Amino acid sequence: MHWGHGRWWEAALALLLLAGFGGSAWAEQRWLGCKYTDVNGKPQSFLMAFDDRRGIASILDAGTLVAGANTTINFQSLRARFPEFTITYNRNDGALSLTPRTGGILSGECRRVAQPPGAPNLQ
């Protein structure tokens, strides 16, 4: 590759700028639409927002975001505890495991969705 006479610094600057701005695009708020079947066999669904960089996840409940506790997010999974259940979401295949406060494991799936109209942003 030929950089021209003394212009290598322009390529280096471009790479630094891409590296600096690339991380901020990764940190955007994302939304998931999740479905599972409860212990009575009834289909249930919820919406969840998360942010990779800040390591936060919240569930949308009646127009309010309920923050998860002990949240961990990595390239493979998202795990968070909420008042009524703990979730594990597999980012590779969309699988959802939900453990209710009463015990047991419920299975389902989550898929990326657009932010619902009027939904608050993660804080």
Protein backbone atom coordinates (compact mmCIF):
# COMPACT_ATOMS: atom_id res chain seq x y z
CA MET A 1 0.00 0.00 0.00
CA HIS A 2 1.40 3.40 -0.92
CA TRP A 3 0.66 6.30 1.42
CA GLY A 4 2.30 8.99 -0.62
CA HIS A 5 5.04 11.29 0.56
CA GLY A 6 4.78 11.94 4.27
CA ARG A 7 1.02 11.34 4.41
CA TRP A 8 1.10 8.26 6.62
CA TRP A 9 -0.09 10.40 9.52
CA GLU A 10 -3.43 11.01 7.75
CA ALA A 11 -4.08 7.26 7.62
CA ALA A 12 -3.07 6.90 11.27
CA LEU A 13 -5.39 9.75 12.26
CA ALA A 14 -8.26 8.18 10.30
CA LEU A 15 -7.73 4.86 12.12
CA LEU A 16 -7.69 6.59 15.51
CA LEU A 17 -10.90 8.45 14.70
CA LEU A 18 -12.61 5.25 13.58
CA ALA A 19 -11.52 3.47 16.74
CA GLY A 20 -12.77 6.34 18.89
CA PHE A 21 -16.17 6.65 17.23
CA GLY A 22 -16.66 2.92 16.70
CA GLY A 23 -17.11 2.31 20.43
CA SER A 24 -19.87 4.87 20.80
CA ALA A 25 -21.98 3.19 18.11
CA TRP A 26 -21.65 -0.08 20.02
CA ALA A 27 -23.04 1.53 23.17
CA GLU A 28 -26.44 2.44 21.80
CA GLN A 29 -29.59 1.56 23.67
CA ARG A 30 -31.12 -1.61 22.19
CA TRP A 31 -34.54 -3.14 22.62
CA LEU A 32 -35.67 -6.75 22.80
CA GLY A 33 -39.14 -8.20 22.48
CA CYS A 34 -39.22 -11.34 24.65
CA LYS A 35 -41.78 -14.17 24.79
CA TYR A 36 -42.11 -17.16 27.11
CA THR A 37 -44.79 -19.52 28.38
CA ASP A 38 -45.65 -19.28 32.09
CA VAL A 39 -46.16 -22.25 34.46
CA ASN A 40 -49.86 -22.36 33.50
CA GLY A 41 -49.05 -22.65 29.79
CA LYS A 42 -50.12 -19.07 29.05
CA PRO A 43 -47.96 -17.08 26.59
CA GLN A 44 -46.35 -14.00 28.16
CA SER A 45 -44.27 -11.21 26.66
CA PHE A 46 -42.26 -8.20 27.76
CA LEU A 47 -39.97 -5.53 26.33
CA MET A 48 -36.45 -5.01 27.60
CA ALA A 49 -33.90 -2.28 26.89
CA PHE A 50 -30.16 -2.71 27.45
CA ASP A 51 -26.88 -0.89 26.91
CA ASP A 52 -23.69 -2.90 26.38
CA ARG A 53 -21.21 -0.25 27.43
CA ARG A 54 -22.93 0.81 30.64
CA GLY A 55 -23.91 -2.77 31.54
CA ILE A 56 -27.53 -1.95 32.29
CA ALA A 57 -30.81 -3.65 31.43
CA SER A 58 -34.38 -2.62 32.20
CA ILE A 59 -37.82 -4.05 31.56
CA LEU A 60 -40.63 -1.83 30.34
CA ASP A 61 -43.55 -2.11 32.78
CA ALA A 62 -46.60 0.14 32.29
CA GLY A 63 -44.53 2.83 30.55
CA THR A 64 -41.74 2.81 33.16
CA LEU A 65 -38.35 1.15 32.92
CA VAL A 66 -37.62 -1.17 35.86
CA ALA A 67 -33.86 -1.55 36.25
CA GLY A 68 -32.29 -4.97 36.62
CA ALA A 69 -29.86 -5.73 39.43
CA ASN A 70 -26.59 -7.66 39.19
CA THR A 71 -26.63 -7.17 35.42
CA THR A 72 -23.83 -8.65 33.33
CA ILE A 73 -23.64 -8.21 29.58
CA ASN A 74 -20.98 -9.70 27.34
CA PHE A 75 -20.72 -10.71 23.70
CA GLN A 76 -22.62 -13.97 24.37
CA SER A 77 -25.24 -13.22 26.98
CA LEU A 78 -27.20 -10.81 29.11
CA ARG A 79 -28.11 -11.70 32.70
CA ALA A 80 -30.15 -9.58 35.10
CA ARG A 81 -32.29 -9.96 38.19
CA PHE A 82 -35.67 -8.23 38.44
CA PRO A 83 -38.18 -8.19 41.33
CA GLU A 84 -40.24 -11.13 40.01
CA PHE A 85 -37.64 -13.14 38.07
CA THR A 86 -34.08 -13.52 36.85
CA ILE A 87 -33.37 -13.68 33.12
CA THR A 88 -30.58 -15.02 30.96
CA TYR A 89 -30.66 -14.08 27.29
CA ASN A 90 -28.34 -15.80 24.81
CA ARG A 91 -27.28 -13.14 22.31
CA ASN A 92 -26.12 -15.75 19.77
CA ASP A 93 -29.41 -17.59 19.24
CA GLY A 94 -32.02 -15.44 21.04
CA ALA A 95 -32.82 -18.09 23.67
CA LEU A 96 -34.34 -16.82 26.92
CA SER A 97 -34.27 -18.56 30.31
CA LEU A 98 -36.44 -17.04 32.98
CA THR A 99 -36.32 -18.13 36.62
CA PRO A 100 -39.35 -16.94 38.62
CA ARG A 101 -38.92 -15.98 42.25
CA THR A 102 -40.93 -19.11 43.13
CA GLY A 103 -38.38 -21.36 41.37
CA GLY A 104 -38.20 -23.41 38.20
CA ILE A 105 -36.97 -22.43 34.76
CA LEU A 106 -39.14 -21.13 31.93
CA SER A 107 -37.90 -20.98 28.34
CA GLY A 108 -38.59 -18.53 25.58
CA GLU A 109 -36.91 -16.25 23.09
CA CYS A 110 -36.03 -12.61 22.52
CA ARG A 111 -35.62 -10.72 19.26
CA ARG A 112 -34.40 -7.21 18.48
CA VAL A 113 -37.24 -4.71 18.10
CA ALA A 114 -37.51 -0.98 17.57
CA GLN A 115 -37.91 1.26 20.61
CA PRO A 116 -41.64 1.46 21.37
CA PRO A 117 -43.20 4.89 20.77
CA GLY A 118 -43.13 6.97 23.94
CA ALA A 119 -40.85 4.55 25.80
CA PRO A 120 -38.33 6.24 28.10
CA ASN A 121 -34.59 6.04 27.51
CA LEU A 122 -32.28 4.11 29.82
CA GLN A 123 -30.88 6.22 32.64
